[in-house]
Protein backbone atom coordinates (compact mmCIF):
# COMPACT_ATOMS: atom_id res chain seq x y z
CA MET A 1 31.10 60.48 152.33
CA TYR A 2 32.40 63.58 154.40
CA THR A 3 34.68 61.37 156.10
CA ASN A 4 35.99 59.69 153.09
CA ASN A 5 36.72 63.14 151.50
CA LYS A 6 38.53 64.21 154.67
CA TRP A 7 40.86 60.96 154.44
CA GLN A 8 41.62 61.67 150.82
CA LEU A 9 43.10 65.01 151.93
CA TYR A 10 45.97 63.17 153.42
CA PRO A 11 47.51 60.59 150.77
CA LEU A 12 50.91 60.67 152.37
CA LEU A 13 49.58 59.89 155.91
CA ARG A 14 47.78 56.80 154.34
CA LEU A 15 51.01 55.64 152.87
CA ALA A 16 52.95 56.31 156.17
CA ILE A 17 50.40 54.27 158.15
CA THR A 18 50.59 51.40 155.39
CA LEU A 19 54.42 51.42 155.62
CA CYS A 20 54.10 51.11 159.48
CA ILE A 21 51.89 48.06 159.10
CA GLY A 22 54.25 46.56 156.62
CA ILE A 23 57.37 47.14 158.93
CA VAL A 24 55.24 45.53 161.91
CA ALA A 25 54.42 42.68 159.82
CA GLY A 26 57.89 42.27 158.61
CA LYS A 27 59.14 42.00 162.12
CA LEU A 28 56.50 39.56 163.24
CA LEU A 29 56.86 37.31 160.31
CA TYR A 30 60.69 37.54 160.00
CA ASN A 31 61.00 33.83 160.53
CA TYR A 32 58.30 32.84 158.02
CA ILE A 33 58.55 35.47 155.02
CA THR A 34 61.82 36.24 153.52
CA ILE A 35 63.04 39.32 151.69
CA GLY A 36 62.47 37.55 148.34
CA ILE A 37 58.82 36.92 148.97
CA TRP A 38 58.25 40.61 150.25
CA LEU A 39 59.93 41.83 147.00
CA THR A 40 58.01 39.64 144.89
CA ILE A 41 54.66 40.73 146.41
CA GLY A 42 55.80 44.49 145.76
CA VAL A 43 56.72 44.06 142.20
CA VAL A 44 53.65 42.03 141.35
CA SER A 45 51.55 44.72 143.19
CA ILE A 46 53.13 47.69 141.34
CA ILE A 47 53.13 46.00 137.92
CA SER A 48 49.35 45.17 138.46
CA ALA A 49 48.74 48.74 139.46
CA CYS A 50 50.15 49.87 136.11
CA ILE A 51 48.01 47.39 134.14
CA ILE A 52 44.73 47.69 135.97
CA LYS A 53 43.03 50.95 135.54
CA HIS A 54 40.20 50.58 138.01
CA GLU A 55 40.63 53.35 140.70
CA ASN A 56 39.75 51.44 143.94
CA ILE A 57 41.77 48.41 142.83
CA GLN A 58 44.74 50.71 141.93
CA SER A 59 44.63 52.09 145.50
CA ILE A 60 44.52 48.59 147.15
CA LEU A 61 47.78 47.60 144.88
CA ILE A 62 49.56 50.71 145.81
CA ALA A 63 48.78 49.96 149.53
CA THR A 64 49.89 46.56 149.03
CA THR A 65 53.25 47.69 147.39
CA THR A 66 53.94 50.08 150.29
CA LEU A 67 53.22 47.35 152.89
CA ALA A 68 55.52 45.06 151.01
CA LEU A 69 58.14 47.78 151.00
CA GLY A 70 57.79 48.04 154.68
CA GLY A 71 58.19 44.10 155.14
CA THR A 72 61.33 44.14 152.94
CA LEU A 73 63.00 47.02 154.67
CA MET A 74 62.11 45.41 158.05
CA CYS A 75 63.59 41.98 156.94
CA LYS A 76 66.77 43.74 155.59
CA GLN A 77 67.29 45.55 158.69
CA LEU A 78 66.97 42.68 161.18
CA LYS A 79 69.23 40.54 158.98
CA ALA A 80 71.74 43.11 159.18
CA THR A 81 71.53 43.48 163.07
CA ASP A 82 71.24 39.66 163.36
CA ILE A 83 75.20 39.05 163.68
CA PHE A 84 77.20 36.18 164.92
CA LEU A 85 78.88 36.66 168.33
CA PRO A 86 81.59 34.34 169.85
CA ASN A 87 80.65 32.64 172.86
CA GLU A 88 83.92 32.73 174.57
CA THR A 89 86.40 35.71 175.33
CA SER A 90 87.65 37.36 172.16
CA GLN A 91 90.41 39.75 171.34
CA TYR A 92 89.33 42.64 169.10
CA GLU A 93 90.35 45.96 167.72
CA ALA A 94 87.79 48.78 168.16
CA ILE A 95 87.58 52.65 168.10
CA ILE A 96 85.86 54.65 171.03
CA THR A 97 82.99 56.47 169.29
CA SER A 98 81.53 58.31 172.35
CA THR A 99 82.88 60.23 175.22
CA PRO A 100 84.08 58.01 178.11
CA ILE A 101 81.76 58.85 181.13
CA ILE A 102 83.01 57.86 184.62
CA HIS A 103 80.50 56.02 186.71
CA GLY A 104 82.20 55.26 190.08
CA LYS A 105 84.89 52.43 189.37
CA VAL A 106 83.97 52.19 185.65
CA LEU A 107 84.02 54.03 182.49
CA LYS A 108 81.12 53.68 180.07
CA CYS A 109 81.42 54.50 176.50
CA ASP A 110 80.52 53.12 172.91
CA ILE A 111 82.95 51.34 170.88
CA GLU A 112 82.82 50.18 167.07
CA ILE A 113 84.65 46.84 166.67
CA MET A 114 86.66 46.55 163.40
CA SER A 115 88.20 42.98 163.69
CA ILE A 116 87.75 39.95 165.88
CA ASN A 117 90.48 37.47 166.63
CA GLY A 118 92.53 38.97 163.92
CA LYS A 119 89.85 38.74 161.17
CA SER A 120 88.44 41.84 159.72
CA ILE A 121 84.70 42.57 159.99
CA ASN A 122 82.85 43.69 156.75
CA ASN A 123 80.16 45.44 158.86
CA PRO A 124 81.79 46.76 162.10
CA ILE A 125 79.88 45.84 165.18
CA ASN A 126 78.61 48.67 167.58
CA ALA A 127 78.71 47.73 171.27
CA LYS A 128 78.17 49.41 174.76
CA ALA A 129 81.54 48.95 176.76
CA THR A 130 81.88 49.22 180.48
CA ILE A 131 85.57 49.45 181.47
CA LEU A 132 86.97 48.76 185.01
CA ARG A 133 89.34 51.86 185.88
CA ASP A 134 92.77 51.44 187.15
CA THR A 135 92.30 53.39 190.49
CA THR A 136 96.16 53.93 190.67
CA THR A 137 96.48 55.65 187.35
CA GLU A 138 93.85 57.96 185.38
CA MET A 139 92.79 56.18 182.19
CA GLN A 140 93.17 58.63 179.28
CA LEU A 141 90.70 57.55 176.81
CA LYS A 142 88.85 59.99 174.46
CA THR A 143 86.60 59.73 171.26
CA GLY A 144 88.43 58.34 168.30
CA ASP A 145 91.02 56.55 170.18
CA GLY A 146 91.89 53.03 168.95
CA ILE A 147 92.03 50.19 171.37
CA LEU A 148 92.92 46.40 171.53
CA ALA A 149 90.72 44.69 174.09
CA GLU A 150 89.82 41.16 175.33
CA SER A 151 86.58 40.46 176.62
CA VAL A 152 83.32 38.39 176.12
CA LEU A 153 80.88 40.09 173.62
CA GLU A 154 77.37 39.63 174.77
CA ARG A 155 73.94 40.33 173.14
CA PRO A 156 71.97 43.14 174.77
CA GLN A 157 69.91 42.00 177.66
CA ASN A 158 67.03 43.98 179.50
CA ILE A 159 67.83 45.52 182.74
CA SER A 160 65.45 43.94 185.44
CA ASP A 161 63.42 46.72 186.88
CA ASN A 162 59.82 47.81 187.22
CA SER A 163 59.62 49.69 183.82
CA ASN A 164 58.27 48.66 180.59
CA PHE A 165 61.39 49.97 178.87
CA ASP A 166 62.81 47.35 176.63
CA TYR A 167 66.46 48.17 176.88
CA ALA A 168 67.59 45.35 174.46
CA GLN A 169 65.17 46.59 171.68
CA TRP A 170 66.51 50.15 172.36
CA MET A 171 70.01 48.85 171.76
CA LYS A 172 69.07 47.16 168.66
CA ILE A 173 67.07 50.10 167.25
CA HIS A 174 70.14 52.43 167.84
CA GLY A 175 72.57 50.00 166.20
CA TYR A 176 74.10 48.33 168.94
CA SER A 177 74.65 44.67 168.74
CA ALA A 178 76.64 43.72 171.65
CA GLN A 179 77.64 44.82 175.23
CA THR A 180 80.84 43.91 177.07
CA PHE A 181 82.72 44.24 180.40
CA ILE A 182 86.47 45.08 179.86
CA PRO A 183 88.95 44.93 182.94
CA TYR A 184 91.69 47.68 182.80
CA TRP A 185 94.38 44.91 182.41
CA ASP A 186 92.80 43.63 179.04
CA ILE A 187 92.61 46.93 177.40
CA HIS A 188 95.43 48.69 175.47
CA SER A 189 96.02 51.36 173.02
CA ALA A 190 96.24 50.56 169.36
CA ARG A 191 96.22 52.11 165.89
CA VAL A 192 92.81 51.52 164.27
CA SER A 193 91.44 52.90 161.12
CA LEU A 194 88.19 54.67 161.36
CA GLY A 195 86.25 52.23 159.41
CA LYS A 196 85.12 51.43 155.84
CA ASN A 197 81.58 53.14 155.89
CA ALA A 198 81.87 56.79 155.07
CA TYR A 199 78.90 57.73 157.20
CA ASP A 200 80.33 56.17 160.21
CA ARG A 201 83.82 57.88 159.55
CA LEU A 202 82.07 61.24 159.43
CA CYS A 203 79.99 60.51 162.57
CA ILE A 204 83.35 59.63 164.59
CA LYS A 205 85.02 62.90 163.21
CA ALA A 206 82.05 64.83 164.09
CA ARG A 207 82.16 63.52 167.76
CA ILE A 208 85.80 64.29 167.88
CA PHE A 209 85.22 67.82 166.97
CA ARG A 210 82.21 67.98 169.46
CA ASP A 211 84.53 66.81 172.32
CA ASN A 212 87.22 69.22 171.42
CA LEU A 213 84.65 72.04 171.22
CA SER A 214 83.28 71.16 174.51
CA GLN A 215 86.57 71.12 176.15
CA LYS A 216 87.39 74.59 174.68
CA LEU A 217 84.04 76.42 175.46
CA PHE A 218 82.16 74.63 178.49
CA SER A 219 84.95 73.28 180.48
CA ASP A 220 84.31 73.65 184.36
CA ASN A 221 86.83 76.16 185.05
CA GLY A 222 86.31 75.78 188.83
CA LYS A 223 83.05 77.86 188.73
CA ASP A 224 79.58 76.64 188.42
CA LYS A 225 79.85 73.13 187.46
CA GLY A 226 76.17 72.54 187.37
CA ALA A 227 75.68 75.35 184.94
CA TYR A 228 78.55 74.25 182.69
CA SER A 229 77.23 70.52 182.60
CA VAL A 230 73.67 71.75 181.56
CA ILE A 231 75.05 74.33 178.88
CA SER A 232 77.15 71.45 177.26
CA ALA A 233 74.19 69.08 177.25
CA MET A 234 71.84 71.66 175.69
CA THR A 235 74.15 73.12 173.03
CA ILE A 236 76.48 70.23 171.81
CA GLY A 237 74.95 67.12 173.35
CA ASP A 238 77.85 66.20 175.77
CA LYS A 239 76.05 64.88 178.87
CA SER A 240 79.29 63.48 180.44
CA ALA A 241 79.33 66.16 183.32
CA LEU A 242 75.60 65.88 184.25
CA ASP A 243 75.09 64.34 187.67
CA LYS A 244 72.25 62.17 188.81
CA ASP A 245 70.46 65.02 190.95
CA THR A 246 70.20 67.28 187.93
CA LYS A 247 68.85 64.57 185.59
CA ASP A 248 66.22 63.66 188.25
CA ALA A 249 65.17 67.33 188.79
CA PHE A 250 64.59 67.98 185.23
CA SER A 251 62.86 64.67 184.74
CA ILE A 252 60.47 65.23 187.77
CA SER A 253 59.72 68.79 186.87
CA GLY A 254 58.99 68.00 183.09
CA GLY A 255 61.97 69.66 181.57
CA SER A 256 64.30 66.86 180.57
CA HIS A 257 63.32 67.49 176.70
CA VAL A 258 65.96 70.55 176.94
CA LEU A 259 68.78 68.45 178.07
CA ALA A 260 68.37 65.88 175.20
CA LEU A 261 69.06 67.57 171.72
CA SER A 262 65.92 67.31 169.80
CA GLY A 263 63.65 69.24 167.57
CA LEU A 264 63.44 72.05 170.12
CA HIS A 265 66.93 72.88 169.81
CA LEU A 266 67.07 72.64 165.94
CA GLY A 267 63.93 74.50 165.74
CA ILE A 268 65.64 77.49 167.75
CA ILE A 269 68.76 77.29 165.30
CA PHE A 270 66.23 77.03 162.42
CA SER A 271 64.35 80.41 163.71
CA VAL A 272 67.81 82.31 163.99
CA PHE A 273 68.03 82.16 160.14
CA LEU A 274 64.43 83.19 159.62
CA LEU A 275 65.05 85.99 162.15
CA LEU A 276 67.98 87.17 160.26
CA PHE A 277 67.13 86.55 156.63
CA GLY A 278 63.28 86.35 156.61
CA HIS A 279 61.07 83.52 155.08
CA SER A 280 62.53 83.74 151.64
CA ALA A 281 63.82 80.70 149.74
CA ILE A 282 67.43 81.78 150.31
CA ALA A 283 66.58 81.98 154.12
CA MET A 284 65.16 78.37 154.10
CA THR A 285 68.11 77.14 152.00
CA LEU A 286 70.54 78.76 154.64
CA SER A 287 68.40 77.30 157.54
CA ILE A 288 68.70 73.70 155.94
CA ILE A 289 72.58 74.16 155.74
CA GLY A 290 72.48 75.60 159.25
CA ILE A 291 70.68 72.70 160.97
CA TRP A 292 72.85 70.16 159.31
CA ALA A 293 75.92 72.05 160.29
CA PHE A 294 74.65 71.93 163.78
CA ALA A 295 73.82 68.30 163.43
CA PHE A 296 77.53 67.70 162.62
CA VAL A 297 78.89 69.88 165.44
CA VAL A 298 76.89 67.67 167.99
CA GLY A 299 78.08 64.39 166.62
CA LEU A 300 75.10 63.46 164.19
CA PRO A 301 73.04 61.54 167.03
CA PRO A 302 69.92 59.89 165.90
CA SER A 303 67.57 62.21 167.63
CA VAL A 304 69.06 65.30 165.92
CA VAL A 305 69.34 63.66 162.42
CA ARG A 306 65.58 62.71 162.73
CA SER A 307 64.64 66.48 163.75
CA ALA A 308 67.08 67.67 161.05
CA VAL A 309 65.19 65.48 158.37
CA MET A 310 61.79 66.88 159.87
CA LEU A 311 62.79 70.44 159.55
CA SER A 312 64.43 70.16 156.26
CA ILE A 313 61.32 68.81 154.80
CA TYR A 314 59.53 71.69 156.44
CA ALA A 315 61.74 74.15 154.79
CA LEU A 316 61.51 72.41 151.11
CA VAL A 317 57.78 72.48 151.48
CA SER A 318 57.96 76.18 152.19
CA ILE A 319 60.28 76.85 149.32
CA ILE A 320 57.82 75.23 146.95
CA ASN A 321 55.12 77.60 148.24
CA ARG A 322 53.02 74.95 150.13
CA LYS A 323 50.61 77.33 152.06
CA SER A 324 50.22 75.11 155.01
CA ILE A 325 52.12 72.45 156.74
CA SER A 326 49.89 69.55 157.50
CA PHE A 327 49.86 65.81 158.41
CA ASN A 328 51.07 65.15 154.85
CA THR A 329 54.34 66.87 155.87
CA LEU A 330 54.68 65.08 158.98
CA ALA A 331 53.84 61.89 157.14
CA PHE A 332 56.39 62.30 154.55
CA ALA A 333 59.16 62.94 157.16
CA ALA A 334 58.17 59.69 159.06
CA ILE A 335 58.37 57.93 155.57
CA VAL A 336 61.80 59.10 154.90
CA ILE A 337 63.08 58.17 158.45
CA LEU A 338 61.49 54.73 158.35
CA VAL A 339 62.89 53.99 155.14
CA MET A 340 66.28 54.93 156.38
CA ASN A 341 65.88 52.84 159.46
CA PRO A 342 62.68 50.95 159.88
CA LEU A 343 63.30 50.01 163.53
CA SER A 344 62.88 53.59 164.33
CA LEU A 345 59.20 52.84 164.61
CA TRP A 346 60.01 51.39 168.09
CA ASP A 347 62.20 54.11 169.21
CA ILE A 348 60.63 56.12 171.99
CA GLY A 349 62.14 59.31 170.93
CA PHE A 350 60.65 58.82 167.20
CA GLN A 351 57.14 57.91 168.77
CA MET A 352 57.14 60.99 171.24
CA SER A 353 58.61 63.45 168.51
CA PHE A 354 55.79 62.63 165.94
CA MET A 355 53.14 62.38 168.59
CA ALA A 356 54.01 65.71 169.96
CA VAL A 357 53.86 67.24 166.54
CA ALA A 358 50.60 65.49 165.71
CA GLY A 359 49.11 66.84 169.09
CA ILE A 360 50.15 70.36 168.08
CA PHE A 361 48.69 70.04 164.60
CA THR A 362 45.45 68.61 166.09
CA LEU A 363 44.77 70.61 169.43
CA TYR A 364 46.78 73.89 169.26
CA LYS A 365 44.54 76.00 167.01
CA PRO A 366 41.23 74.91 168.68
CA MET A 367 42.70 75.56 172.18
CA TYR A 368 44.33 78.68 171.33
CA MET A 369 40.76 80.02 169.67
CA TRP A 370 39.18 79.15 173.27
CA LEU A 371 40.62 82.60 174.57
CA HIS A 372 42.50 84.14 171.59
CA PRO A 373 43.61 87.13 173.52
CA TYR A 374 44.80 90.20 171.57
CA ASN A 375 47.27 91.46 174.05
CA LYS A 376 50.87 90.34 172.88
CA LEU A 377 52.04 89.17 176.15
CA LEU A 378 48.81 87.25 176.98
CA SER A 379 48.79 85.89 173.60
CA TRP A 380 52.42 84.59 174.15
CA ILE A 381 51.55 83.02 177.66
CA TRP A 382 48.23 81.55 176.17
CA GLY A 383 49.99 80.12 173.15
CA SER A 384 52.75 78.65 175.17
CA ILE A 385 50.14 76.88 177.49
CA CYS A 386 48.44 75.59 174.37
CA VAL A 387 51.62 74.14 172.69
CA SER A 388 52.65 72.49 176.07
CA LEU A 389 49.13 70.92 176.50
CA SER A 390 48.63 69.89 173.06
CA ALA A 391 51.88 68.07 172.80
CA GLN A 392 51.66 66.64 176.41
CA ILE A 393 48.16 65.12 175.69
CA PHE A 394 49.59 63.15 172.79
CA THR A 395 52.61 62.08 174.49
CA PHE A 396 51.93 61.30 178.12
CA PRO A 397 50.45 57.75 177.34
CA ILE A 398 53.85 56.84 176.08
CA VAL A 399 55.67 58.33 178.88
CA LEU A 400 53.32 56.49 181.42
CA HIS A 401 53.86 53.21 179.60
CA CYS A 402 57.81 53.46 179.30
CA PHE A 403 58.63 55.27 182.53
CA GLY A 404 55.55 55.42 184.69
CA ARG A 405 56.10 59.16 185.66
CA PHE A 406 53.76 62.17 184.94
CA SER A 407 55.07 65.55 185.73
CA CYS A 408 52.32 67.65 187.25
CA TYR A 409 53.97 71.16 186.80
CA PHE A 410 55.13 70.73 183.14
CA ILE A 411 53.50 73.90 182.17
CA LEU A 412 55.21 75.74 184.82
CA THR A 413 58.55 74.31 183.86
CA ASN A 414 58.16 75.06 180.27
CA PHE A 415 57.64 78.68 181.14
CA VAL A 416 61.15 78.54 182.53
CA VAL A 417 63.08 76.12 180.42
CA VAL A 418 62.06 77.08 177.07
CA PRO A 419 62.99 80.86 177.26
CA CYS A 420 66.22 79.97 179.04
CA ALA A 421 67.05 77.19 176.46
CA THR A 422 66.48 79.72 173.58
CA LEU A 423 68.80 82.26 175.34
CA ILE A 424 71.29 79.78 176.02
CA ILE A 425 71.41 78.48 172.47
CA TYR A 426 71.40 82.11 170.93
CA MET A 427 74.43 82.95 173.59
CA ALA A 428 76.22 79.65 172.59
CA VAL A 429 76.12 80.79 169.05
CA ALA A 430 77.56 84.06 169.90
CA LEU A 431 80.20 82.60 172.02
CA ILE A 432 81.67 80.69 169.12
CA ILE A 433 81.58 83.82 166.94
CA THR A 434 83.32 85.93 169.57
CA ILE A 435 86.08 83.61 170.32
CA PRO A 436 88.69 86.08 169.00
CA LEU A 437 87.25 88.99 170.92
CA THR A 438 88.29 88.15 174.46
CA ALA A 439 86.34 91.01 176.35
CA LEU A 440 83.03 90.37 174.62
CA TYR A 441 83.60 86.56 174.78
CA ASN A 442 83.86 86.76 178.53
CA ILE A 443 80.77 88.89 179.09
CA ILE A 444 78.69 86.37 176.90
CA CYS A 445 80.35 83.56 178.71
CA CYS A 446 79.19 85.16 182.25
CA SER A 447 75.76 85.77 180.68
CA ILE A 448 75.39 82.20 179.56
CA VAL A 449 76.29 80.69 182.88
CA GLN A 450 74.07 83.05 184.86
CA THR A 451 71.27 81.97 182.56
CA ALA A 452 71.89 78.31 183.05
CA GLY A 453 72.23 78.78 186.85
CA LEU A 454 69.05 80.48 186.88
CA MET A 455 67.39 77.72 185.13
CA ASN A 456 69.02 74.90 187.21
CA ARG A 457 67.74 76.64 190.46
CA SER A 458 64.10 77.08 189.16
CA VAL A 459 64.01 73.45 187.92
CA PHE A 460 65.29 72.14 191.32
CA PHE A 461 62.63 74.34 193.20
CA ILE A 462 59.71 73.06 191.00
CA SER A 463 61.04 69.39 191.15
CA LYS A 464 60.74 69.72 195.02
CA LEU A 465 57.14 71.20 195.15
CA PRO A 466 54.60 69.00 196.69
CA GLY A 467 53.05 66.63 194.25
CA ALA A 468 55.68 67.50 191.59
CA SER A 469 55.28 64.09 190.05
CA ILE A 470 53.21 61.08 190.00
CA GLU A 471 55.71 58.09 190.37
CA ASN A 472 55.53 54.38 189.36
CA PHE A 473 52.36 54.85 187.37
CA TYR A 474 53.06 52.14 184.70
CA ILE A 475 50.28 51.19 182.03
CA SER A 476 50.26 48.15 179.91
CA THR A 477 50.52 48.29 176.04
CA SER A 478 46.87 47.55 175.59
CA GLN A 479 46.04 50.35 178.21
CA THR A 480 48.25 52.68 176.09
CA TRP A 481 46.42 52.06 173.03
CA LEU A 482 42.98 52.29 174.94
CA LEU A 483 44.19 55.59 176.28
CA TYR A 484 44.98 56.97 172.88
CA LEU A 485 41.49 55.66 171.65
CA PHE A 486 39.81 57.52 174.52
CA ILE A 487 41.79 60.81 173.78
CA LEU A 488 40.86 60.62 169.93
CA CYS A 489 37.07 59.76 170.75
CA ASN A 490 36.97 62.90 173.10
CA ILE A 491 38.51 65.00 170.41
CA ALA A 492 36.00 63.90 167.73
CA ILE A 493 33.27 64.43 170.30
CA LEU A 494 34.22 68.04 170.98
CA LYS A 495 34.55 68.72 167.22
CA LYS A 496 31.18 67.30 166.59
CA LEU A 497 29.44 69.41 169.25
CA LYS A 498 31.36 72.45 167.91
CA VAL A 499 29.79 71.72 164.43
CA ASN A 500 26.37 71.19 166.22
CA LEU A 501 26.74 74.58 167.97
């Protein structure tokens, strides 16, 4: 009875789990159950729930409706991504939608194809393009440029390596339907409109703005290239200048999360508004505007949009005077994101974001209460350790499954990178504000470079410590589920022991 009452406290969590089951069923049964059948199941269930007044039967019918909604959304999404691609070489018009990055003899970028063989496309095709460079002349391509190209458009395929990372599925989740290799002699500049979809046009304009801002604020200037590349990645999501050694050092040390724009960065921006304006409804409203403005500045990448949705829901819940943020809030954020794109359920970023927050909700308070230091410095140190541990416990099975790596010094790394990331983002905001004030701008610019340089040196030092990471320790899908079951059983046992004590 106690367990049932406890479960009743989280109605949105129950709906989110049912929606996830429906989405998985929609994917597995895509070739057998059509959108029409899912819709029929949903409509019949909701009408029956309105007619039948028995509480338990109503709960079952509402769950069935939610499951049918998940199946409908999944079928619709799969149908939208299941497009026809010609088997032979095609000529097409496209727009470059991401910053072209040099990889040896090629450029890599995203493109949005607007027409194929002279025929306009109703729904533009997003593709990953690899462009062979002309070594005799520098190719001047940038975000927003139109191109006329000729190549074979292929469906995404998995890269053959030892990891469990499903590259083809990752491409589909993020909206890419093709990949292609373009020789430099088969690509030419062209005037191409930004597309029919208003959101796609907004994203492209946001990325153009981001690239221009990156060029203005964080160009190398012949100084500390490593510091500028990290600053640019952390503040506006431009990773084009990051070298392999830097990426590897952050990954080995357990600090890669600060290089990928996510909830941490938006959380820092969010806290700026709370620090300046308090926790009033006005402050929460301004914070929502602020995080979405930041999302626009960095080009509206999926990870940032996802985090912006989560923080916006948190702010809205706070505005309506909810006393605590619980699993219901987290579940509601998941429902919103999955309704927008049901394929997000298989996105590693989505999984790790929600598991990290779930870990903090579940473990942070009990862990913190083990010591509960009253000294402010010790309290901050212990609180930081508890946050890192609780998030890591709930995310490391996914990391092992997908990447086969465990960073042994992640707590030490977080003591360095989180404060540095906070300072860098604060100073980046100040940098934009002080552009007209040259002297102050130069002082802040020098400070932000020094901070990024210190963070880089610390991360490289940690990554070279003995036993910095456990490598190539991949686990299967079933082992991942068993590991989560083991974690949850241990949490339940510890809670039970605490009750008995």
